[in-house]
Amino acid sequence: MYVEPLKGPEKMKHYEQRQVYVIRWHPSQCSVDPIEEIILDKRHDHKHVIGKLSKLSGVPVEYIYCTDSESFPVEISCLDIENKFEWYSMSSDRYYSLRLYDGDVIYYKDNRETMKELTDKERSEIRRAEEARLRRIRECISFKALT
């Protein structure tokens, strides 16, 4: 169980809504923004999700690409985000239904951004930072399993 202190009034108004975490991926910087929360109404289809992401980010819907949902916490390195996930757009034929649960995580990006070409030094620095971050996540998961 995870507990999250609310930063304001509860946003969920009825049981059919879903609270989903979203993380914006910046391929041009090989970085992510801090995690944010969106509330989805009864419809959980990808067009509804992409519309919410567009409103949140200011990126036009035609440039929003997002991933399938993942369970929280997601253990993935910034070095792997671009290639380990499948990315879907508003016009994707295959992406017709999301099976979203409260607390799921979706990554999204502005598809106009191109992937940054990393130097060996940058890749090494990111790898070290990511290993430390992933270690903290695993420690929290291990602690949770013990309690």
Foldseek 3Di string as FASTA:
>chain_A
DDDDDDPDDDPDDDDLKAKEKEWEAFQQVLDIDDIDIDIGHNAPAPLSVLVVVCVVPVADQQQKWKFAWDAPPDQDASVCVVPPTDIHGPPDPVRTGHPDHHRIYMYMYRNVHDHHDDDPVRVVVSVVVSVVVSVVVVVVVVVVVVD
